[in-house]
Amino acid sequence: MIDEEKILERGKETILQEVENIRNLADSLGEEFVNVVKLILNCEGKVVLTGMGKSGLVAKKISATLASTGTPSFYLHPADGIHGDMGMVSKNDIVIALSNSGESSEIVNILPTIKLIGSPLVGMVGREKSTLGSYSDYILYTKITGEACPLGLAPTTSTSCQLVLGDALALAIMEQRNFTKNQYAVFHPGGALGRKLLMKVRDVMRKDDFLALVKKDVIIRDVLFAITQANAGCAFVVDDENNLIGIITDGDVRRALIKDEKALTKPASEVMNTTPSIITEDKLATEALRLMDNGTKKMGEMPVVRDNKPVGMICLKDLFAAGIV
């Protein structure tokens, strides 16, 4: 028989116990935390994270967070370390070893080698008086009142404290480096922020056969044919040197027909907008979005020009599809 009340009770107790220990961890931060941050800021090599089991999984996450926020870092499996991978570590690196007990055999086995290499060692450990604690040059103490596991066995509260402390380290370092959104985007080119901050107009614009180019004396009916053939939402009106002199959108044609039912036989020069907003291909796609969404008159398409000659068209729906919006 499933006891729903017991399920909720266990869930709440687990969360509250872990929150209490995290609060205690925050209260315990002091000079040693500051010293470790300063150590990493002055590091000439990489920050090497290592840990076994659940602590190893947390170490991987901390390493990934450091790397994505401006601190070169990688994870070293301690079992691989004793079989040759310690060669990845140099004296210019910093090693952060995670172990709640401080006695994990795989961690203990690589400690003498770390000392021989000469890398500063930071122990993220729950027991200060432990083998890891005794080898460490710096200790980030993660003492807990007990695991949230009802058996007191499964790493739960201890790994939560490790994870939170790792985030605290990474973000304190990130802030001291004055790490910017643009730098973050460089490390996340495939993410939404990377797309917003790095994608240029040239990366998302339509070009070649997807452009409808017409001369000023072409009648509006043929302008519509050109727009349809290019599967575009507008046509660019150009002179004999291919300079942009105007733009005609579907909306322009509709408004012209409302005023004059014979508008389809008029030349493009009588309907075109001679002062369209334009952008160059080297601009950020977010800048195109800002121009297209500026004020009460919103644009669905905008010419992309090079030396006043149309080379592409930026479409609002393409910006949506690229994740810019």
C-alpha atoms as a PDB file:
ATOM      1  CA  MET A   1       0.000   0.000   0.000  1.00  0.00           C
ATOM      2  CA  ILE A   2       1.470   3.331  -1.098  1.00  0.00           C
ATOM      3  CA  ASP A   3       1.412   5.905   1.705  1.00  0.00           C
ATOM      4  CA  GLU A   4       1.010   9.251  -0.076  1.00  0.00           C
ATOM      5  CA  GLU A   5       1.264  11.223   3.160  1.00  0.00           C
ATOM      6  CA  LYS A   6       4.572   9.513   3.968  1.00  0.00           C
ATOM      7  CA  ILE A   7       5.881  10.304   0.475  1.00  0.00           C
ATOM      8  CA  LEU A   8       5.235  14.018   0.956  1.00  0.00           C
ATOM      9  CA  GLU A   9       6.662  13.946   4.457  1.00  0.00           C
ATOM     10  CA  ARG A  10       9.898  12.329   3.259  1.00  0.00           C
ATOM     11  CA  GLY A  11      10.195  14.796   0.384  1.00  0.00           C
ATOM     12  CA  LYS A  12       9.796  17.822   2.649  1.00  0.00           C
ATOM     13  CA  GLU A  13      12.143  16.450   5.318  1.00  0.00           C
ATOM     14  CA  THR A  14      14.836  15.805   2.725  1.00  0.00           C
ATOM     15  CA  ILE A  15      14.641  19.309   1.309  1.00  0.00           C
ATOM     16  CA  LEU A  16      14.512  21.004   4.714  1.00  0.00           C
ATOM     17  CA  GLN A  17      17.472  18.999   6.040  1.00  0.00           C
ATOM     18  CA  GLU A  18      19.577  19.852   3.017  1.00  0.00           C
ATOM     19  CA  VAL A  19      18.559  23.535   3.202  1.00  0.00           C
ATOM     20  CA  GLU A  20      19.550  23.683   6.870  1.00  0.00           C
ATOM     21  CA  ASN A  21      22.989  22.268   6.114  1.00  0.00           C
ATOM     22  CA  ILE A  22      23.467  24.629   3.183  1.00  0.00           C
ATOM     23  CA  ARG A  23      22.632  27.558   5.488  1.00  0.00           C
ATOM     24  CA  ASN A  24      25.221  26.293   7.958  1.00  0.00           C
ATOM     25  CA  LEU A  25      27.704  26.063   5.082  1.00  0.00           C
ATOM     26  CA  ALA A  26      27.052  29.696   4.138  1.00  0.00           C
ATOM     27  CA  ASP A  27      27.574  30.792   7.742  1.00  0.00           C
ATOM     28  CA  SER A  28      30.889  28.916   7.910  1.00  0.00           C
ATOM     29  CA  LEU A  29      32.482  30.601   4.875  1.00  0.00           C
ATOM     30  CA  GLY A  30      35.447  32.757   5.802  1.00  0.00           C
ATOM     31  CA  GLU A  31      39.070  33.527   5.072  1.00  0.00           C
ATOM     32  CA  GLU A  32      39.866  30.108   3.617  1.00  0.00           C
ATOM     33  CA  PHE A  33      37.166  30.505   0.960  1.00  0.00           C
ATOM     34  CA  VAL A  34      38.590  33.910   0.028  1.00  0.00           C
ATOM     35  CA  ASN A  35      42.097  32.429  -0.133  1.00  0.00           C
ATOM     36  CA  VAL A  36      40.970  29.673  -2.504  1.00  0.00           C
ATOM     37  CA  VAL A  37      39.275  32.211  -4.775  1.00  0.00           C
ATOM     38  CA  LYS A  38      42.463  34.298  -4.848  1.00  0.00           C
ATOM     39  CA  LEU A  39      44.512  31.159  -5.512  1.00  0.00           C
ATOM     40  CA  ILE A  40      42.384  30.284  -8.550  1.00  0.00           C
ATOM     41  CA  LEU A  41      42.396  33.870  -9.844  1.00  0.00           C
ATOM     42  CA  ASN A  42      46.210  33.775  -9.838  1.00  0.00           C
ATOM     43  CA  CYS A  43      46.429  30.282 -11.340  1.00  0.00           C
ATOM     44  CA  GLU A  44      48.653  30.082 -14.440  1.00  0.00           C
ATOM     45  CA  GLY A  45      47.395  26.636 -15.376  1.00  0.00           C
ATOM     46  CA  LYS A  46      44.063  24.866 -15.057  1.00  0.00           C
ATOM     47  CA  VAL A  47      41.826  23.918 -12.158  1.00  0.00           C
ATOM     48  CA  VAL A  48      41.667  20.134 -11.898  1.00  0.00           C
ATOM     49  CA  LEU A  49      38.635  18.633 -10.156  1.00  0.00           C
ATOM     50  CA  THR A  50      38.689  15.083  -8.872  1.00  0.00           C
ATOM     51  CA  GLY A  51      36.371  12.931  -6.825  1.00  0.00           C
ATOM     52  CA  MET A  52      35.033   9.391  -6.646  1.00  0.00           C
ATOM     53  CA  GLY A  53      31.466   8.144  -6.938  1.00  0.00           C
ATOM     54  CA  LYS A  54      28.799  10.761  -6.216  1.00  0.00           C
ATOM     55  CA  SER A  55      31.508  13.258  -5.258  1.00  0.00           C
ATOM     56  CA  GLY A  56      33.060  12.628  -8.671  1.00  0.00           C
ATOM     57  CA  LEU A  57      29.795  13.527 -10.392  1.00  0.00           C
ATOM     58  CA  VAL A  58      29.674  16.771  -8.429  1.00  0.00           C
ATOM     59  CA  ALA A  59      33.327  17.433  -9.292  1.00  0.00           C
ATOM     60  CA  LYS A  60      32.483  17.099 -13.002  1.00  0.00           C
ATOM     61  CA  LYS A  61      29.708  19.644 -12.638  1.00  0.00           C
ATOM     62  CA  ILE A  62      31.912  22.122 -10.758  1.00  0.00           C
ATOM     63  CA  SER A  63      34.610  21.762 -13.401  1.00  0.00           C
ATOM     64  CA  ALA A  64      32.076  22.410 -16.158  1.00  0.00           C
ATOM     65  CA  THR A  65      30.756  25.507 -14.359  1.00  0.00           C
ATOM     66  CA  LEU A  66      34.254  26.893 -13.890  1.00  0.00           C
ATOM     67  CA  ALA A  67      35.143  26.293 -17.532  1.00  0.00           C
ATOM     68  CA  SER A  68      31.988  27.984 -18.815  1.00  0.00           C
ATOM     69  CA  THR A  69      32.520  31.055 -16.642  1.00  0.00           C
ATOM     70  CA  GLY A  70      36.093  31.865 -17.602  1.00  0.00           C
ATOM     71  CA  THR A  71      38.261  29.494 -15.541  1.00  0.00           C
ATOM     72  CA  PRO A  72      39.995  26.732 -17.566  1.00  0.00           C
ATOM     73  CA  SER A  73      39.211  23.448 -15.850  1.00  0.00           C
ATOM     74  CA  PHE A  74      38.911  19.708 -16.402  1.00  0.00           C
ATOM     75  CA  TYR A  75      37.856  16.638 -14.428  1.00  0.00           C
ATOM     76  CA  LEU A  76      40.323  13.883 -13.568  1.00  0.00           C
ATOM     77  CA  HIS A  77      38.997  10.488 -12.502  1.00  0.00           C
ATOM     78  CA  PRO A  78      41.146   9.424  -9.529  1.00  0.00           C
ATOM     79  CA  ALA A  79      41.163   5.767 -10.576  1.00  0.00           C
ATOM     80  CA  ASP A  80      42.532   6.781 -13.979  1.00  0.00           C
ATOM     81  CA  GLY A  81      44.980   9.062 -12.204  1.00  0.00           C
ATOM     82  CA  ILE A  82      46.842   6.170 -10.621  1.00  0.00           C
ATOM     83  CA  HIS A  83      47.146   4.513 -14.034  1.00  0.00           C
ATOM     84  CA  GLY A  84      48.868   7.308 -15.896  1.00  0.00           C
ATOM     85  CA  ASP A  85      46.444  10.220 -16.129  1.00  0.00           C
ATOM     86  CA  MET A  86      48.275  12.154 -13.419  1.00  0.00           C
ATOM     87  CA  GLY A  87      50.504  13.183 -16.315  1.00  0.00           C
ATOM     88  CA  MET A  88      47.725  15.608 -17.244  1.00  0.00           C
ATOM     89  CA  VAL A  89      48.436  17.629 -14.103  1.00  0.00           C
ATOM     90  CA  SER A  90      51.274  20.179 -13.878  1.00  0.00           C
ATOM     91  CA  LYS A  91      52.702  22.221 -11.026  1.00  0.00           C
ATOM     92  CA  ASN A  92      50.982  25.291 -12.481  1.00  0.00           C
ATOM     93  CA  ASP A  93      47.593  23.651 -11.996  1.00  0.00           C
ATOM     94  CA  ILE A  94      45.402  23.640  -8.892  1.00  0.00           C
ATOM     95  CA  VAL A  95      43.774  20.396  -7.769  1.00  0.00           C
ATOM     96  CA  ILE A  96      40.448  20.437  -5.942  1.00  0.00           C
ATOM     97  CA  ALA A  97      39.661  17.027  -4.475  1.00  0.00           C
ATOM     98  CA  LEU A  98      36.153  16.183  -3.247  1.00  0.00           C
ATOM     99  CA  SER A  99      35.538  13.535  -0.588  1.00  0.00           C
ATOM    100  CA  ASN A 100      33.057  13.757   2.249  1.00  0.00           C
ATOM    101  CA  SER A 101      34.988  11.294   4.415  1.00  0.00           C
ATOM    102  CA  GLY A 102      38.394  12.380   3.182  1.00  0.00           C
ATOM    103  CA  GLU A 103      39.349   8.705   3.079  1.00  0.00           C
ATOM    104  CA  SER A 104      38.172   7.525  -0.358  1.00  0.00           C
ATOM    105  CA  SER A 105      40.912   5.095  -1.357  1.00  0.00           C
ATOM    106  CA  GLU A 106      41.132   6.296  -4.955  1.00  0.00           C
ATOM    107  CA  ILE A 107      41.592   9.892  -3.772  1.00  0.00           C
ATOM    108  CA  VAL A 108      44.061   8.929  -1.043  1.00  0.00           C
ATOM    109  CA  ASN A 109      46.163   7.013  -3.588  1.00  0.00           C
ATOM    110  CA  ILE A 110      46.789  10.079  -5.769  1.00  0.00           C
ATOM    111  CA  LEU A 111      47.544  12.544  -2.957  1.00  0.00           C
ATOM    112  CA  PRO A 112      51.293  11.735  -2.734  1.00  0.00           C
ATOM    113  CA  THR A 113      51.623  12.196  -6.510  1.00  0.00           C
ATOM    114  CA  ILE A 114      49.897  15.578  -6.343  1.00  0.00           C
ATOM    115  CA  LYS A 115      52.440  16.615  -3.731  1.00  0.00           C
ATOM    116  CA  LEU A 116      55.332  15.364  -5.881  1.00  0.00           C
ATOM    117  CA  ILE A 117      54.028  17.314  -8.881  1.00  0.00           C
ATOM    118  CA  GLY A 118      53.822  20.413  -6.707  1.00  0.00           C
ATOM    119  CA  SER A 119      50.238  21.429  -7.489  1.00  0.00           C
ATOM    120  CA  PRO A 120      48.423  23.322  -4.717  1.00  0.00           C
ATOM    121  CA  LEU A 121      45.775  21.004  -3.275  1.00  0.00           C
ATOM    122  CA  VAL A 122      42.346  22.162  -2.121  1.00  0.00           C
ATOM    123  CA  GLY A 123      40.375  19.602  -0.146  1.00  0.00           C
ATOM    124  CA  MET A 124      36.588  19.889  -0.234  1.00  0.00           C
ATOM    125  CA  VAL A 125      36.024  17.551   2.658  1.00  0.00           C
ATOM    126  CA  GLY A 126      33.515  16.816   5.384  1.00  0.00           C
ATOM    127  CA  ARG A 127      36.102  15.715   7.942  1.00  0.00           C
ATOM    128  CA  GLU A 128      38.982  18.088   8.512  1.00  0.00           C
ATOM    129  CA  LYS A 129      40.937  15.438  10.429  1.00  0.00           C
ATOM    130  CA  SER A 130      41.227  13.019   7.542  1.00  0.00           C
ATOM    131  CA  THR A 131      43.885  11.908   5.078  1.00  0.00           C
ATOM    132  CA  LEU A 132      42.652  14.378   2.469  1.00  0.00           C
ATOM    133  CA  GLY A 133      42.515  17.111   5.096  1.00  0.00           C
ATOM    134  CA  SER A 134      46.081  16.433   6.208  1.00  0.00           C
ATOM    135  CA  TYR A 135      47.444  16.592   2.634  1.00  0.00           C
ATOM    136  CA  SER A 136      45.489  19.706   1.641  1.00  0.00           C
ATOM    137  CA  ASP A 137      47.062  23.144   1.422  1.00  0.00           C
ATOM    138  CA  TYR A 138      43.593  24.660   1.694  1.00  0.00           C
ATOM    139  CA  ILE A 139      40.424  23.134   3.138  1.00  0.00           C
ATOM    140  CA  LEU A 140      36.867  23.946   2.134  1.00  0.00           C
ATOM    141  CA  TYR A 141      35.003  22.319   4.983  1.00  0.00           C
ATOM    142  CA  THR A 142      31.615  20.732   4.132  1.00  0.00           C
ATOM    143  CA  LYS A 143      30.663  19.296   7.511  1.00  0.00           C
ATOM    144  CA  ILE A 144      27.024  18.169   7.708  1.00  0.00           C
ATOM    145  CA  THR A 145      24.717  17.102  10.520  1.00  0.00           C
ATOM    146  CA  GLY A 146      23.906  13.924   8.615  1.00  0.00           C
ATOM    147  CA  GLU A 147      22.771  12.627   5.257  1.00  0.00           C
ATOM    148  CA  ALA A 148      19.121  13.165   4.322  1.00  0.00           C
ATOM    149  CA  CYS A 149      18.951   9.472   3.429  1.00  0.00           C
ATOM    150  CA  PRO A 150      16.732   7.749   6.042  1.00  0.00           C
ATOM    151  CA  LEU A 151      19.439   5.089   6.398  1.00  0.00           C
ATOM    152  CA  GLY A 152      22.103   7.761   6.736  1.00  0.00           C
ATOM    153  CA  LEU A 153      24.091   6.098   3.968  1.00  0.00           C
ATOM    154  CA  ALA A 154      23.385   7.490   0.490  1.00  0.00           C
ATOM    155  CA  PRO A 155      25.313  10.700  -0.296  1.00  0.00           C
ATOM    156  CA  THR A 156      22.596  13.363  -0.369  1.00  0.00           C
ATOM    157  CA  THR A 157      23.163  16.300   1.958  1.00  0.00           C
ATOM    158  CA  SER A 158      26.938  15.991   1.567  1.00  0.00           C
ATOM    159  CA  THR A 159      26.833  16.172  -2.217  1.00  0.00           C
ATOM    160  CA  SER A 160      24.323  19.036  -2.136  1.00  0.00           C
ATOM    161  CA  CYS A 161      26.732  21.024   0.030  1.00  0.00           C
ATOM    162  CA  GLN A 162      29.616  20.197  -2.318  1.00  0.00           C
ATOM    163  CA  LEU A 163      27.572  21.326  -5.305  1.00  0.00           C
ATOM    164  CA  VAL A 164      26.509  24.598  -3.697  1.00  0.00           C
ATOM    165  CA  LEU A 165      30.038  25.335  -2.519  1.00  0.00           C
ATOM    166  CA  GLY A 166      31.337  24.708  -6.027  1.00  0.00           C
ATOM    167  CA  ASP A 167      28.792  27.165  -7.434  1.00  0.00           C
ATOM    168  CA  ALA A 168      29.798  29.716  -4.800  1.00  0.00           C
ATOM    169  CA  LEU A 169      33.445  29.361  -5.833  1.00  0.00           C
ATOM    170  CA  ALA A 170      32.756  29.629  -9.554  1.00  0.00           C
ATOM    171  CA  LEU A 171      30.517  32.673  -9.272  1.00  0.00           C
ATOM    172  CA  ALA A 172      32.803  34.507  -6.855  1.00  0.00           C
ATOM    173  CA  ILE A 173      35.666  33.948  -9.311  1.00  0.00           C
ATOM    174  CA  MET A 174      33.483  34.919 -12.261  1.00  0.00           C
ATOM    175  CA  GLU A 175      32.580  38.207 -10.591  1.00  0.00           C
ATOM    176  CA  GLN A 176      36.191  39.001  -9.725  1.00  0.00           C
ATOM    177  CA  ARG A 177      37.177  38.406 -13.368  1.00  0.00           C
ATOM    178  CA  ASN A 178      34.466  40.849 -14.502  1.00  0.00           C
ATOM    179  CA  PHE A 179      33.251  38.076 -16.784  1.00  0.00           C
ATOM    180  CA  THR A 180      30.754  39.469 -19.313  1.00  0.00           C
ATOM    181  CA  LYS A 181      27.749  38.169 -21.229  1.00  0.00           C
ATOM    182  CA  ASN A 182      29.753  38.346 -24.440  1.00  0.00           C
ATOM    183  CA  GLN A 183      32.494  36.175 -22.946  1.00  0.00           C
ATOM    184  CA  TYR A 184      29.874  33.730 -21.682  1.00  0.00           C
ATOM    185  CA  ALA A 185      28.382  33.561 -25.164  1.00  0.00           C
ATOM    186  CA  VAL A 186      31.781  32.653 -26.658  1.00  0.00           C
ATOM    187  CA  PHE A 187      31.808  29.520 -24.470  1.00  0.00           C
ATOM    188  CA  HIS A 188      28.145  28.769 -25.297  1.00  0.00           C
ATOM    189  CA  PRO A 189      27.861  29.354 -29.062  1.00  0.00           C
ATOM    190  CA  GLY A 190      25.099  26.801 -29.412  1.00  0.00           C
ATOM    191  CA  GLY A 191      22.936  28.149 -26.612  1.00  0.00           C
ATOM    192  CA  ALA A 192      20.221  30.785 -26.754  1.00  0.00           C
ATOM    193  CA  LEU A 193      22.470  33.450 -25.276  1.00  0.00           C
ATOM    194  CA  GLY A 194      25.247  32.595 -27.707  1.00  0.00           C
ATOM    195  CA  ARG A 195      22.885  32.961 -30.637  1.00  0.00           C
ATOM    196  CA  LYS A 196      21.659  36.314 -29.383  1.00  0.00           C
ATOM    197  CA  LEU A 197      25.087  37.753 -28.709  1.00  0.00           C
ATOM    198  CA  LEU A 198      27.121  36.251 -31.548  1.00  0.00           C
ATOM    199  CA  MET A 199      24.864  35.710 -34.557  1.00  0.00           C
ATOM    200  CA  LYS A 200      25.358  38.271 -37.308  1.00  0.00           C
ATOM    201  CA  VAL A 201      22.844  39.429 -39.892  1.00  0.00           C
ATOM    202  CA  ARG A 202      24.778  37.530 -42.598  1.00  0.00           C
ATOM    203  CA  ASP A 203      24.149  34.281 -40.687  1.00  0.00           C
ATOM    204  CA  VAL A 204      20.379  34.524 -40.906  1.00  0.00           C
ATOM    205  CA  MET A 205      19.602  36.739 -43.941  1.00  0.00           C
ATOM    206  CA  ARG A 206      17.998  35.497 -47.155  1.00  0.00           C
ATOM    207  CA  LYS A 207      19.930  36.104 -50.354  1.00  0.00           C
ATOM    208  CA  ASP A 208      20.334  35.296 -54.069  1.00  0.00           C
ATOM    209  CA  ASP A 209      17.148  33.728 -55.470  1.00  0.00           C
ATOM    210  CA  PHE A 210      15.221  34.637 -52.316  1.00  0.00           C
ATOM    211  CA  LEU A 211      15.489  38.348 -53.138  1.00  0.00           C
ATOM    212  CA  ALA A 212      12.895  40.092 -55.308  1.00  0.00           C
ATOM    213  CA  LEU A 213      14.707  42.877 -57.203  1.00  0.00           C
ATOM    214  CA  VAL A 214      12.761  45.146 -59.541  1.00  0.00           C
ATOM    215  CA  LYS A 215      13.325  48.418 -61.403  1.00  0.00           C
ATOM    216  CA  LYS A 216      11.295  51.552 -60.646  1.00  0.00           C
ATOM    217  CA  ASP A 217       9.322  51.424 -63.896  1.00  0.00           C
ATOM    218  CA  VAL A 218       8.063  47.853 -63.359  1.00  0.00           C
ATOM    219  CA  ILE A 219       4.290  47.834 -62.768  1.00  0.00           C
ATOM    220  CA  ILE A 220       2.965  46.673 -59.386  1.00  0.00           C
ATOM    221  CA  ARG A 221       1.376  43.527 -60.846  1.00  0.00           C
ATOM    222  CA  ASP A 222       4.819  42.335 -61.962  1.00  0.00           C
ATOM    223  CA  VAL A 223       6.273  43.378 -58.594  1.00  0.00           C
ATOM    224  CA  LEU A 224       3.819  40.953 -56.969  1.00  0.00           C
ATOM    225  CA  PHE A 225       4.952  38.206 -59.357  1.00  0.00           C
ATOM    226  CA  ALA A 226       8.580  38.875 -58.352  1.00  0.00           C
ATOM    227  CA  ILE A 227       7.699  38.740 -54.645  1.00  0.00           C
ATOM    228  CA  THR A 228       5.807  35.464 -55.133  1.00  0.00           C
ATOM    229  CA  GLN A 229       8.607  33.883 -57.172  1.00  0.00           C
ATOM    230  CA  ALA A 230      11.180  34.737 -54.494  1.00  0.00           C
ATOM    231  CA  ASN A 231       8.832  33.566 -51.724  1.00  0.00           C
ATOM    232  CA  ALA A 232       9.518  36.920 -50.082  1.00  0.00           C
ATOM    233  CA  GLY A 233       7.378  39.461 -48.288  1.00  0.00           C
ATOM    234  CA  CYS A 234       8.662  42.453 -50.194  1.00  0.00           C
ATOM    235  CA  ALA A 235      10.552  43.630 -53.262  1.00  0.00           C
ATOM    236  CA  PHE A 236      13.611  45.857 -53.410  1.00  0.00           C
ATOM    237  CA  VAL A 237      13.491  48.593 -56.035  1.00  0.00           C
ATOM    238  CA  VAL A 238      16.936  49.245 -57.563  1.00  0.00           C
ATOM    239  CA  ASP A 239      18.370  51.620 -60.159  1.00  0.00           C
ATOM    240  CA  ASP A 240      20.506  50.683 -63.181  1.00  0.00           C
ATOM    241  CA  GLU A 241      23.612  50.411 -60.930  1.00  0.00           C
ATOM    242  CA  ASN A 242      21.729  48.073 -58.570  1.00  0.00           C
ATOM    243  CA  ASN A 243      21.561  50.703 -55.816  1.00  0.00           C
ATOM    244  CA  LEU A 244      18.594  50.404 -53.482  1.00  0.00           C
ATOM    245  CA  ILE A 245      16.158  53.249 -54.068  1.00  0.00           C
ATOM    246  CA  GLY A 246      13.044  51.858 -52.393  1.00  0.00           C
ATOM    247  CA  ILE A 247      11.109  48.908 -51.024  1.00  0.00           C
ATOM    248  CA  ILE A 248       7.595  47.621 -51.691  1.00  0.00           C
ATOM    249  CA  THR A 249       5.895  45.315 -49.210  1.00  0.00           C
ATOM    250  CA  ASP A 250       2.658  43.345 -49.476  1.00  0.00           C
ATOM    251  CA  GLY A 251       1.163  45.953 -47.164  1.00  0.00           C
ATOM    252  CA  ASP A 252       2.191  48.773 -49.492  1.00  0.00           C
ATOM    253  CA  VAL A 253       0.402  47.057 -52.373  1.00  0.00           C
ATOM    254  CA  ARG A 254      -2.775  46.492 -50.340  1.00  0.00           C
ATOM    255  CA  ARG A 255      -2.867  50.108 -49.220  1.00  0.00           C
ATOM    256  CA  ALA A 256      -2.322  51.290 -52.809  1.00  0.00           C
ATOM    257  CA  LEU A 257      -5.234  49.121 -54.039  1.00  0.00           C
ATOM    258  CA  ILE A 258      -7.535  50.482 -51.344  1.00  0.00           C
ATOM    259  CA  LYS A 259      -6.813  54.002 -52.611  1.00  0.00           C
ATOM    260  CA  ASP A 260      -6.937  53.107 -56.317  1.00  0.00           C
ATOM    261  CA  GLU A 261      -8.247  49.856 -57.758  1.00  0.00           C
ATOM    262  CA  LYS A 262      -6.056  50.434 -60.830  1.00  0.00           C
ATOM    263  CA  ALA A 263      -2.890  50.538 -58.714  1.00  0.00           C
ATOM    264  CA  LEU A 264      -1.654  47.232 -60.184  1.00  0.00           C
ATOM    265  CA  THR A 265      -0.827  49.055 -63.416  1.00  0.00           C
ATOM    266  CA  LYS A 266       1.138  51.808 -61.702  1.00  0.00           C
ATOM    267  CA  PRO A 267       4.974  51.778 -61.719  1.00  0.00           C
ATOM    268  CA  ALA A 268       6.866  50.710 -58.617  1.00  0.00           C
ATOM    269  CA  SER A 269       8.217  54.256 -58.204  1.00  0.00           C
ATOM    270  CA  GLU A 270       4.710  55.502 -57.271  1.00  0.00           C
ATOM    271  CA  VAL A 271       4.155  52.950 -54.495  1.00  0.00           C
ATOM    272  CA  MET A 272       7.590  52.273 -53.055  1.00  0.00           C
ATOM    273  CA  ASN A 273       8.861  53.476 -49.698  1.00  0.00           C
ATOM    274  CA  THR A 274      11.938  55.561 -50.547  1.00  0.00           C
ATOM    275  CA  THR A 275      13.283  55.723 -46.978  1.00  0.00           C
ATOM    276  CA  PRO A 276      13.253  52.137 -45.688  1.00  0.00           C
ATOM    277  CA  SER A 277      15.225  51.065 -42.641  1.00  0.00           C
ATOM    278  CA  ILE A 278      18.344  49.197 -43.736  1.00  0.00           C
ATOM    279  CA  ILE A 279      21.137  47.249 -42.081  1.00  0.00           C
ATOM    280  CA  THR A 280      24.528  45.865 -43.078  1.00  0.00           C
ATOM    281  CA  GLU A 281      25.441  42.192 -42.984  1.00  0.00           C
ATOM    282  CA  ASP A 282      28.137  42.601 -40.319  1.00  0.00           C
ATOM    283  CA  LYS A 283      25.683  43.855 -37.687  1.00  0.00           C
ATOM    284  CA  LEU A 284      24.361  41.613 -34.933  1.00  0.00           C
ATOM    285  CA  ALA A 285      21.039  39.933 -35.598  1.00  0.00           C
ATOM    286  CA  THR A 286      19.764  41.457 -32.345  1.00  0.00           C
ATOM    287  CA  GLU A 287      20.367  44.912 -33.828  1.00  0.00           C
ATOM    288  CA  ALA A 288      18.184  43.972 -36.806  1.00  0.00           C
ATOM    289  CA  LEU A 289      15.479  42.835 -34.404  1.00  0.00           C
ATOM    290  CA  ARG A 290      15.679  46.138 -32.533  1.00  0.00           C
ATOM    291  CA  LEU A 291      15.247  48.130 -35.738  1.00  0.00           C
ATOM    292  CA  MET A 292      12.382  45.966 -36.988  1.00  0.00           C
ATOM    293  CA  ASP A 293      10.555  46.132 -33.668  1.00  0.00           C
ATOM    294  CA  ASN A 294      11.149  49.855 -33.102  1.00  0.00           C
ATOM    295  CA  GLY A 295       8.109  52.021 -32.375  1.00  0.00           C
ATOM    296  CA  THR A 296       4.514  51.415 -33.431  1.00  0.00           C
ATOM    297  CA  LYS A 297       5.354  50.575 -37.058  1.00  0.00           C
ATOM    298  CA  LYS A 298       6.841  47.096 -36.989  1.00  0.00           C
ATOM    299  CA  MET A 299       8.547  45.565 -40.022  1.00  0.00           C
ATOM    300  CA  GLY A 300       8.410  41.993 -41.213  1.00  0.00           C
ATOM    301  CA  GLU A 301      11.366  42.370 -43.594  1.00  0.00           C
ATOM    302  CA  MET A 302      14.338  44.694 -43.931  1.00  0.00           C
ATOM    303  CA  PRO A 303      16.963  45.145 -46.678  1.00  0.00           C
ATOM    304  CA  VAL A 304      20.554  44.145 -45.976  1.00  0.00           C
ATOM    305  CA  VAL A 305      22.892  46.373 -47.983  1.00  0.00           C
ATOM    306  CA  ARG A 306      26.568  46.635 -48.888  1.00  0.00           C
ATOM    307  CA  ASP A 307      27.579  50.000 -50.368  1.00  0.00           C
ATOM    308  CA  ASN A 308      23.851  50.729 -50.717  1.00  0.00           C
ATOM    309  CA  LYS A 309      23.367  47.624 -52.884  1.00  0.00           C
ATOM    310  CA  PRO A 310      20.952  44.949 -51.573  1.00  0.00           C
ATOM    311  CA  VAL A 311      22.762  41.700 -50.720  1.00  0.00           C
ATOM    312  CA  GLY A 312      20.154  40.126 -48.505  1.00  0.00           C
ATOM    313  CA  MET A 313      16.873  40.425 -46.669  1.00  0.00           C
ATOM    314  CA  ILE A 314      16.364  39.926 -42.942  1.00  0.00           C
ATOM    315  CA  CYS A 315      12.945  38.509 -41.993  1.00  0.00           C
ATOM    316  CA  LEU A 316      11.316  38.676 -38.586  1.00  0.00           C
ATOM    317  CA  LYS A 317      10.085  35.083 -38.875  1.00  0.00           C
ATOM    318  CA  ASP A 318      13.638  33.919 -39.623  1.00  0.00           C
ATOM    319  CA  LEU A 319      14.851  35.669 -36.468  1.00  0.00           C
ATOM    320  CA  PHE A 320      12.177  33.777 -34.551  1.00  0.00           C
ATOM    321  CA  ALA A 321      13.255  30.490 -36.124  1.00  0.00           C
ATOM    322  CA  ALA A 322      16.919  31.170 -35.236  1.00  0.00           C
ATOM    323  CA  GLY A 323      16.013  31.747 -31.577  1.00  0.00           C
ATOM    324  CA  ILE A 324      16.967  35.433 -31.598  1.00  0.00           C
ATOM    325  CA  VAL A 325      13.542  36.550 -30.399  1.00  0.00           C
END
